[in-house]
């Protein structure tokens, strides 16, 4: 017989005492004289608390026996349903998973009620020893505190635990062992133009569009014809799934004439599909590679032949390309073009027909470090286009204009994305100093 997971414990009569009784999580609760209105109210109250605690039935006597690993398991179950947008897990869920993992490794068997400031500092030291950047360590500290704050609200830990954890300050710049992250700088247009030559037309147009509008990479990837208002001379793209939608804010990307010319061919498709298709970009890349093919068709792989035939025969599954880019796949496409536009010197830049993954596997540790250093210097990310656009707008129109275009709620955020006009400062200093 299947388990009745949606049923609730019943209101019953205890024959020996004549009282009403209900059993929650293996514990009997007496409610008062059976059949009275007061016992019914007490039953409703206990059932409401039982369901609100996800049928755990925790009470004050059990709190001291709950372990950290049990708190983490309960929060993870909650997080999988909370950190979701459009039916897909957000990046915050992955960050929470790593925080939970590190906490469980150190203190999984510890009673959760005894998890205090020293335990938080010990977990923090793990992140410091891992050489995580200072802001990342501080974010992880807030995430771990958030878990125990949720547990206190669910009566899994005493409220005093939160007071102790919030007393631990974050790491201060220059006063800790964690490094500072490198600032994200604008990318110069010459570098962008050199990279565009090695990208399919769809991906190249995504870059040009982002550079003109200052949109976020994810906003460019998600854009659909139905989200664009074309009633005015300047089009408005209202992203329904932008990163701050959970704060109740709206986000509008303003599309001028040059960006409209780039976007217009991609509007001639189903209004509910994305404008820039990843599958279309991959097909363009295959066509370009086939046009540049030097091997006769009678040799090597022929067009349409799958290189993973053994896997397909074994699993019976064909992996079709995704329709939509995301910020990660958009970034990887740019990095692959950077490797072609700015090849590493000597043997480090030679692929000999193998993939980048296989090439890395053949390098020793010294060569791999040299390759990583070269790529860090010559790779650029799509978010840098946003910094480039913000800096240009701030230079020409001021910081308030840059704030509106970039969609920031406060000017101090815009200052991170828009570099100050150094030439203007030098000119002022020349005149007044």
Protein backbone atom coordinates (compact mmCIF):
# COMPACT_ATOMS: atom_id res chain seq x y z
CA UNK A 1 0.00 0.00 0.00
CA UNK A 2 1.49 3.40 -0.92
CA UNK A 3 2.47 5.81 1.84
CA UNK A 4 -0.05 8.59 2.38
CA UNK A 5 2.35 11.51 2.36
CA UNK A 6 -0.39 14.16 2.15
CA UNK A 7 -2.38 12.93 5.13
CA UNK A 8 -2.19 14.56 8.58
CA UNK A 9 -2.21 12.86 11.99
CA UNK A 10 -5.74 12.40 13.25
CA UNK A 11 -7.57 13.87 16.21
CA UNK A 12 -8.21 10.84 18.48
CA UNK A 13 -9.63 9.97 21.88
CA UNK A 14 -7.37 8.56 24.59
CA UNK A 15 -9.72 6.05 26.22
CA UNK A 16 -7.88 5.76 29.52
CA UNK A 17 -8.02 9.51 30.29
CA UNK A 18 -10.88 10.69 28.10
CA UNK A 19 -8.63 13.37 26.56
CA UNK A 20 -8.08 14.19 22.92
CA UNK A 21 -4.68 13.18 21.59
CA UNK A 22 -2.61 13.52 18.43
CA UNK A 23 0.73 11.88 17.62
CA UNK A 24 3.30 14.02 15.82
CA UNK A 25 6.70 12.63 14.80
CA UNK A 26 6.31 9.74 17.28
CA UNK A 27 5.36 11.94 20.24
CA UNK A 28 1.87 12.07 21.82
CA UNK A 29 0.32 15.46 22.51
CA UNK A 30 -2.67 15.70 24.87
CA UNK A 31 -5.14 18.38 23.80
CA UNK A 32 -7.69 18.54 26.62
CA UNK A 33 -11.12 16.96 27.05
CA UNK A 34 -12.15 15.09 23.91
CA UNK A 35 -14.73 16.82 21.71
CA UNK A 36 -14.37 20.29 23.23
CA UNK A 37 -13.74 23.43 21.17
CA UNK A 38 -10.55 24.12 23.14
CA UNK A 39 -9.10 20.71 22.23
CA UNK A 40 -9.97 21.30 18.58
CA UNK A 41 -8.18 24.65 18.61
CA UNK A 42 -5.12 23.06 20.21
CA UNK A 43 -5.18 20.33 17.57
CA UNK A 44 -5.35 22.90 14.76
CA UNK A 45 -2.44 24.83 16.27
CA UNK A 46 -0.19 21.77 16.58
CA UNK A 47 -1.04 20.56 13.07
CA UNK A 48 -0.26 24.00 11.63
CA UNK A 49 3.15 24.02 13.35
CA UNK A 50 3.79 20.44 12.26
CA UNK A 51 3.10 21.21 8.60
CA UNK A 52 5.06 24.48 8.76
CA UNK A 53 8.10 22.52 9.98
CA UNK A 54 7.83 20.21 6.95
CA UNK A 55 6.43 17.41 9.16
CA UNK A 56 9.52 17.28 11.35
CA UNK A 57 7.61 17.81 14.56
CA UNK A 58 10.58 19.42 16.34
CA UNK A 59 10.02 20.50 19.92
CA UNK A 60 12.09 22.23 22.54
CA UNK A 61 13.32 19.00 24.07
CA UNK A 62 14.72 17.81 20.72
CA UNK A 63 16.58 20.96 19.67
CA UNK A 64 19.71 20.11 21.65
CA UNK A 65 20.01 16.75 19.92
CA UNK A 66 19.85 18.04 16.33
CA UNK A 67 23.18 17.76 14.51
CA UNK A 68 24.71 20.20 12.06
CA UNK A 69 24.42 17.63 9.28
CA UNK A 70 20.67 17.43 9.92
CA UNK A 71 20.33 21.21 9.72
CA UNK A 72 22.27 21.22 6.46
CA UNK A 73 20.11 18.47 5.01
CA UNK A 74 16.92 20.31 5.96
CA UNK A 75 18.18 23.59 4.50
CA UNK A 76 19.33 21.91 1.28
CA UNK A 77 15.83 20.53 0.79
CA UNK A 78 14.46 24.05 1.26
CA UNK A 79 17.13 25.65 -0.98
CA UNK A 80 16.39 23.37 -3.93
CA UNK A 81 12.89 24.77 -4.06
CA UNK A 82 13.81 28.36 -3.16
CA UNK A 83 16.78 29.19 -5.40
CA UNK A 84 14.93 28.55 -8.64
CA UNK A 85 14.10 30.89 -11.51
CA UNK A 86 11.94 29.82 -14.45
CA UNK A 87 12.13 26.23 -13.29
CA UNK A 88 15.93 26.16 -13.27
CA UNK A 89 18.33 26.32 -10.29
CA UNK A 90 20.21 29.59 -9.92
CA UNK A 91 23.94 30.00 -9.39
CA UNK A 92 23.28 30.70 -5.70
CA UNK A 93 22.25 27.07 -5.22
CA UNK A 94 25.70 25.90 -6.39
CA UNK A 95 27.36 28.37 -4.02
CA UNK A 96 25.21 27.10 -1.15
CA UNK A 97 26.12 23.51 -1.98
CA UNK A 98 29.83 24.25 -1.55
CA UNK A 99 29.25 26.08 1.74
CA UNK A 100 27.18 23.18 3.07
CA UNK A 101 29.84 20.69 1.98
CA UNK A 102 32.66 22.46 3.82
CA UNK A 103 30.60 22.95 6.98
CA UNK A 104 29.57 19.28 7.05
CA UNK A 105 33.17 18.10 6.65
CA UNK A 106 34.27 19.96 9.78
CA UNK A 107 31.20 20.00 12.01
CA UNK A 108 28.68 17.53 10.59
CA UNK A 109 28.56 15.47 13.83
CA UNK A 110 28.45 18.51 16.14
CA UNK A 111 25.15 19.47 17.81
CA UNK A 112 23.81 22.42 15.85
CA UNK A 113 22.98 24.30 19.04
CA UNK A 114 26.71 24.50 19.86
CA UNK A 115 27.76 25.90 16.47
CA UNK A 116 29.18 29.27 17.44
CA UNK A 117 31.60 32.00 16.36
CA UNK A 118 34.72 29.81 16.70
CA UNK A 119 33.17 27.17 14.44
CA UNK A 120 32.31 29.82 11.87
CA UNK A 121 35.90 31.11 11.97
CA UNK A 122 37.22 27.57 11.52
CA UNK A 123 35.11 27.06 8.39
CA UNK A 124 36.17 30.51 7.18
CA UNK A 125 39.82 29.46 7.55
CA UNK A 126 39.17 26.59 5.13
CA UNK A 127 38.13 29.13 2.50
CA UNK A 128 41.12 31.34 3.29
CA UNK A 129 43.52 28.38 2.97
CA UNK A 130 41.89 27.62 -0.38
CA UNK A 131 43.04 31.08 -1.48
CA UNK A 132 39.54 32.35 -2.14
CA UNK A 133 39.21 36.09 -2.70
CA UNK A 134 38.23 38.19 0.31
CA UNK A 135 34.75 39.17 -1.02
CA UNK A 136 34.03 35.51 -1.79
CA UNK A 137 34.97 34.47 1.76
CA UNK A 138 32.71 37.17 3.19
CA UNK A 139 29.84 36.07 0.94
CA UNK A 140 30.26 32.47 2.09
CA UNK A 141 30.22 33.61 5.72
CA UNK A 142 26.91 35.37 5.10
CA UNK A 143 25.57 32.27 3.37
CA UNK A 144 26.46 30.04 6.32
CA UNK A 145 24.91 32.52 8.74
CA UNK A 146 21.82 32.59 6.53
CA UNK A 147 21.49 28.82 6.88
CA UNK A 148 21.48 29.00 10.67
CA UNK A 149 19.11 31.99 10.63
CA UNK A 150 16.69 29.86 8.62
CA UNK A 151 17.21 27.00 11.06
CA UNK A 152 16.42 29.29 13.99
CA UNK A 153 13.21 30.39 12.24
CA UNK A 154 12.30 26.71 11.85
CA UNK A 155 13.11 26.07 15.56
CA UNK A 156 15.91 23.68 14.66
CA UNK A 157 18.49 25.68 16.63
CA UNK A 158 18.14 28.14 19.52
CA UNK A 159 17.94 31.80 18.58
CA UNK A 160 21.13 32.48 20.54
CA UNK A 161 23.14 30.76 17.83
CA UNK A 162 22.37 33.58 15.39
CA UNK A 163 23.55 36.27 17.79
CA UNK A 164 26.92 34.55 18.06
CA UNK A 165 27.37 34.07 14.31
CA UNK A 166 26.42 37.64 13.41
CA UNK A 167 29.02 38.90 15.90
CA UNK A 168 31.82 37.58 13.64
CA UNK A 169 32.94 40.46 11.38
CA UNK A 170 33.83 40.00 7.74
CA UNK A 171 37.41 40.08 6.53
CA UNK A 172 38.81 43.58 6.09
CA UNK A 173 40.79 44.67 3.06
CA UNK A 174 44.52 44.57 3.73
CA UNK A 175 44.06 42.94 7.15
CA UNK A 176 43.65 39.29 6.25
CA UNK A 177 45.34 36.57 4.28
CA UNK A 178 42.83 36.44 1.44
CA UNK A 179 43.74 38.07 -1.87
CA UNK A 180 41.74 40.87 -3.44
CA UNK A 181 40.04 40.05 -6.74
CA UNK A 182 41.43 41.73 -9.82
CA UNK A 183 39.13 44.55 -10.97
CA UNK A 184 37.18 43.96 -14.17
CA UNK A 185 38.55 46.42 -16.71
CA UNK A 186 37.05 47.53 -20.02
CA UNK A 187 38.26 45.68 -23.09
CA UNK A 188 39.71 47.79 -25.87
CA UNK A 189 37.92 47.80 -29.23
CA UNK A 190 40.98 46.60 -31.15
CA UNK A 191 41.01 43.38 -29.14
CA UNK A 192 37.29 42.90 -29.73
CA UNK A 193 37.65 43.42 -33.48
CA UNK A 194 40.52 40.94 -33.66
CA UNK A 195 38.36 38.33 -31.91
CA UNK A 196 35.25 38.89 -34.04
CA UNK A 197 37.06 37.55 -37.10
CA UNK A 198 37.13 34.06 -35.55
CA UNK A 199 33.51 33.94 -34.37
CA UNK A 200 30.36 32.79 -36.22
CA UNK A 201 28.07 35.65 -37.34
CA UNK A 202 25.50 34.99 -34.59
CA UNK A 203 28.04 35.20 -31.76
CA UNK A 204 29.76 38.20 -33.38
CA UNK A 205 26.42 40.03 -33.57
CA UNK A 206 25.77 39.26 -29.90
CA UNK A 207 29.05 40.98 -29.04
CA UNK A 208 28.33 43.99 -31.25
CA UNK A 209 24.83 44.31 -29.78
CA UNK A 210 26.09 44.10 -26.20
CA UNK A 211 28.83 46.62 -26.89
CA UNK A 212 26.29 49.14 -28.25
CA UNK A 213 23.64 48.68 -25.56
CA UNK A 214 25.63 47.88 -22.40
CA UNK A 215 23.34 44.92 -21.67
CA UNK A 216 24.36 42.09 -19.38
CA UNK A 217 25.52 38.88 -21.11
CA UNK A 218 22.53 36.95 -19.77
CA UNK A 219 20.13 39.63 -21.04
CA UNK A 220 21.55 39.28 -24.56
CA UNK A 221 21.27 35.48 -24.38
CA UNK A 222 17.63 35.54 -23.19
CA UNK A 223 16.30 38.25 -25.51
CA UNK A 224 13.15 37.32 -27.46
CA UNK A 225 11.24 39.32 -30.08
CA UNK A 226 8.16 39.44 -27.86
CA UNK A 227 10.13 41.26 -25.13
CA UNK A 228 11.08 44.19 -27.39
CA UNK A 229 8.89 47.28 -27.70
CA UNK A 230 9.46 48.68 -31.21
CA UNK A 231 6.84 51.44 -31.12
CA UNK A 232 9.37 54.30 -30.81
CA UNK A 233 12.49 55.33 -32.67
CA UNK A 234 14.48 53.84 -29.76
CA UNK A 235 13.43 50.29 -29.02
CA UNK A 236 13.04 49.08 -25.45
CA UNK A 237 13.89 45.56 -24.36
CA UNK A 238 12.22 44.64 -21.06
CA UNK A 239 13.89 41.57 -19.63
CA UNK A 240 11.37 39.68 -17.46
CA UNK A 241 14.08 37.48 -15.91
CA UNK A 242 16.87 39.93 -15.10
CA UNK A 243 19.12 39.37 -12.09
CA UNK A 244 17.33 41.82 -9.74
CA UNK A 245 13.74 40.83 -10.56
CA UNK A 246 13.38 39.25 -7.10
CA UNK A 247 13.97 42.71 -5.60
CA UNK A 248 10.89 44.02 -7.41
CA UNK A 249 12.93 46.08 -9.91
CA UNK A 250 12.44 46.36 -13.64
CA UNK A 251 15.17 46.34 -16.27
CA UNK A 252 14.97 48.10 -19.65
CA UNK A 253 17.68 47.92 -22.29
CA UNK A 254 17.48 50.82 -24.74
CA UNK A 255 18.28 49.88 -28.35
CA UNK A 256 19.45 52.64 -30.66
CA UNK A 257 19.62 52.72 -34.48
CA UNK A 258 22.95 50.88 -34.83
CA UNK A 259 21.90 48.12 -32.45
CA UNK A 260 18.53 47.91 -34.22
CA UNK A 261 20.27 47.26 -37.53
CA UNK A 262 22.15 44.35 -35.94
CA UNK A 263 19.05 42.94 -34.25
CA UNK A 264 16.51 43.33 -37.06
CA UNK A 265 17.37 40.10 -38.98
CA UNK A 266 16.98 38.09 -35.77
CA UNK A 267 13.43 39.29 -35.21
CA UNK A 268 12.13 37.30 -38.20
CA UNK A 269 11.43 34.17 -36.17
CA UNK A 270 8.96 32.88 -33.62
CA UNK A 271 8.37 35.63 -31.07
CA UNK A 272 8.77 33.24 -28.12
CA UNK A 273 12.20 31.92 -29.14
CA UNK A 274 15.51 33.62 -28.38
CA UNK A 275 16.89 36.01 -30.98
CA UNK A 276 20.45 34.66 -30.88
CA UNK A 277 20.35 30.87 -31.27
CA UNK A 278 23.24 28.76 -30.02
CA UNK A 279 22.29 25.93 -32.41
CA UNK A 280 22.42 28.37 -35.31
CA UNK A 281 25.83 29.63 -34.22
CA UNK A 282 27.21 26.08 -34.02
CA UNK A 283 25.84 25.32 -37.48
CA UNK A 284 27.55 28.42 -38.88
CA UNK A 285 30.81 27.31 -37.33
CA UNK A 286 30.49 23.84 -38.89
CA UNK A 287 29.77 25.34 -42.31
CA UNK A 288 32.83 27.62 -42.03
CA UNK A 289 35.07 24.72 -40.97
CA UNK A 290 33.78 22.60 -43.84
CA UNK A 291 34.46 25.42 -46.33
CA UNK A 292 38.04 25.62 -45.06
CA UNK A 293 38.48 21.85 -45.18
CA UNK A 294 41.62 20.61 -46.98
CA UNK A 295 41.13 16.87 -46.40
CA UNK A 296 39.32 15.17 -49.31
CA UNK A 297 35.77 14.04 -48.61
CA UNK A 298 36.85 10.47 -49.20
CA UNK A 299 39.09 10.70 -46.12
CA UNK A 300 38.34 11.58 -42.52
CA UNK A 301 34.93 12.47 -41.17
CA UNK A 302 32.29 13.26 -43.76
CA UNK A 303 29.62 15.95 -43.24
CA UNK A 304 26.90 14.59 -40.99
CA UNK A 305 29.01 11.79 -39.53
CA UNK A 306 28.91 11.71 -35.75
CA UNK A 307 32.26 11.50 -34.00
CA UNK A 308 30.60 9.89 -30.95
CA UNK A 309 29.02 6.97 -32.78
CA UNK A 310 30.06 4.49 -30.08
CA UNK A 311 28.34 6.49 -27.36
CA UNK A 312 25.19 6.88 -29.46
CA UNK A 313 25.11 3.15 -30.22
CA UNK A 314 25.50 2.35 -26.53
CA UNK A 315 23.02 4.84 -25.07
CA UNK A 316 20.72 5.39 -28.02
CA UNK A 317 20.79 9.12 -27.32
CA UNK A 318 21.81 11.94 -29.60
CA UNK A 319 22.95 15.14 -27.94
CA UNK A 320 21.50 18.01 -29.89
CA UNK A 321 22.92 21.53 -29.45
CA UNK A 322 21.09 23.81 -27.06
CA UNK A 323 18.91 26.50 -28.53
CA UNK A 324 19.88 29.20 -26.06
CA UNK A 325 23.24 30.56 -24.99
CA UNK A 326 23.86 31.30 -21.35
CA UNK A 327 26.51 33.54 -19.84
CA UNK A 328 28.94 30.62 -19.47
CA UNK A 329 28.61 29.24 -23.01
CA UNK A 330 28.79 32.79 -24.40
CA UNK A 331 32.04 33.32 -22.49
CA UNK A 332 33.50 30.00 -23.66
CA UNK A 333 32.76 30.86 -27.29
CA UNK A 334 34.68 34.13 -26.88
CA UNK A 335 37.61 32.40 -25.19
CA UNK A 336 37.83 29.86 -28.04
CA UNK A 337 38.02 32.73 -30.53
CA UNK A 338 40.68 34.45 -28.38
CA UNK A 339 42.83 31.31 -28.60
CA UNK A 340 42.69 31.59 -32.39
CA UNK A 341 43.17 35.34 -32.52
CA UNK A 342 46.01 35.36 -29.97
CA UNK A 343 47.64 31.90 -30.11
CA UNK A 344 50.07 31.01 -27.36
CA UNK A 345 53.72 31.00 -28.42
CA UNK A 346 55.60 27.89 -29.44
CA UNK A 347 54.25 24.44 -28.73
CA UNK A 348 51.72 25.80 -26.25
CA UNK A 349 49.61 27.20 -29.08
CA UNK A 350 49.75 24.10 -31.30
CA UNK A 351 46.61 22.00 -31.34
CA UNK A 352 47.44 19.57 -34.19
CA UNK A 353 43.76 18.86 -34.70
CA UNK A 354 43.01 18.01 -31.06
CA UNK A 355 40.58 19.76 -28.75
CA UNK A 356 41.69 22.25 -26.13
CA UNK A 357 40.84 19.73 -23.39
CA UNK A 358 43.04 17.03 -24.96
CA UNK A 359 45.83 19.52 -25.58
CA UNK A 360 45.84 20.48 -21.89
CA UNK A 361 46.04 16.84 -20.82
CA UNK A 362 49.27 16.43 -22.80
CA UNK A 363 51.03 19.37 -21.13
CA UNK A 364 53.14 19.05 -18.00
CA UNK A 365 52.51 21.25 -14.96
CA UNK A 366 55.01 23.94 -16.03
CA UNK A 367 53.61 24.18 -19.55
CA UNK A 368 50.06 24.21 -18.22
CA UNK A 369 50.87 27.11 -15.91
CA UNK A 370 52.49 29.02 -18.79
CA UNK A 371 49.42 28.43 -20.95
CA UNK A 372 47.11 29.59 -18.17
CA UNK A 373 49.15 32.77 -17.71
CA UNK A 374 49.03 33.49 -21.44
CA UNK A 375 45.26 32.96 -21.59
CA UNK A 376 44.66 35.14 -18.55
CA UNK A 377 46.42 37.96 -20.35
CA UNK A 378 44.73 37.45 -23.73
CA UNK A 379 41.25 36.22 -22.86
CA UNK A 380 38.44 38.69 -22.29
CA UNK A 381 34.91 38.15 -20.97
CA UNK A 382 31.57 39.41 -22.29
CA UNK A 383 30.97 41.36 -19.09
CA UNK A 384 33.95 43.55 -19.98
CA UNK A 385 31.92 44.89 -22.92
CA UNK A 386 29.50 46.30 -20.37
CA UNK A 387 32.37 48.07 -18.63
CA UNK A 388 33.58 49.44 -21.96
CA UNK A 389 30.14 50.82 -22.79
CA UNK A 390 29.65 52.25 -19.31
CA UNK A 391 33.01 54.03 -19.41
CA UNK A 392 32.23 55.56 -22.81
CA UNK A 393 28.80 56.80 -21.73
CA UNK A 394 30.14 58.23 -18.48
CA UNK A 395 32.85 60.08 -20.39
CA UNK A 396 30.40 61.64 -22.87
CA UNK A 397 27.18 62.08 -20.87
CA UNK A 398 28.03 61.76 -17.16
CA UNK A 399 27.55 59.14 -14.48
CA UNK A 400 23.76 59.50 -14.25
CA UNK A 401 23.39 58.59 -17.94
CA UNK A 402 25.67 55.58 -17.41
CA UNK A 403 23.59 54.55 -14.40
CA UNK A 404 20.36 54.56 -16.46
CA UNK A 405 21.86 52.69 -19.42
CA UNK A 406 23.48 50.03 -17.24
CA UNK A 407 20.35 49.65 -15.11
CA UNK A 408 21.90 50.27 -11.69
CA UNK A 409 19.88 51.29 -8.66
CA UNK A 410 22.71 53.39 -7.20
CA UNK A 411 25.57 55.43 -8.63
CA UNK A 412 28.20 53.69 -6.50
CA UNK A 413 27.55 50.48 -8.45
CA UNK A 414 27.89 52.37 -11.72
CA UNK A 415 31.32 53.62 -10.64
CA UNK A 416 32.52 50.02 -10.57
CA UNK A 417 31.45 49.51 -14.20
CA UNK A 418 32.34 52.94 -15.62
CA UNK A 419 35.95 54.04 -15.29
CA UNK A 420 36.58 57.70 -14.51
CA UNK A 421 37.66 59.97 -17.32
CA UNK A 422 41.39 60.31 -16.64
CA UNK A 423 41.92 62.82 -19.45
CA UNK A 424 39.30 65.14 -18.02
CA UNK A 425 40.91 64.98 -14.57
CA UNK A 426 44.31 65.81 -16.05
CA UNK A 427 42.84 68.76 -17.94
CA UNK A 428 41.18 70.12 -14.78
CA UNK A 429 44.40 69.71 -12.79
CA UNK A 430 46.33 71.53 -15.51
CA UNK A 431 43.98 74.53 -15.24
CA UNK A 432 43.42 74.77 -11.50
CA UNK A 433 46.62 73.30 -10.08
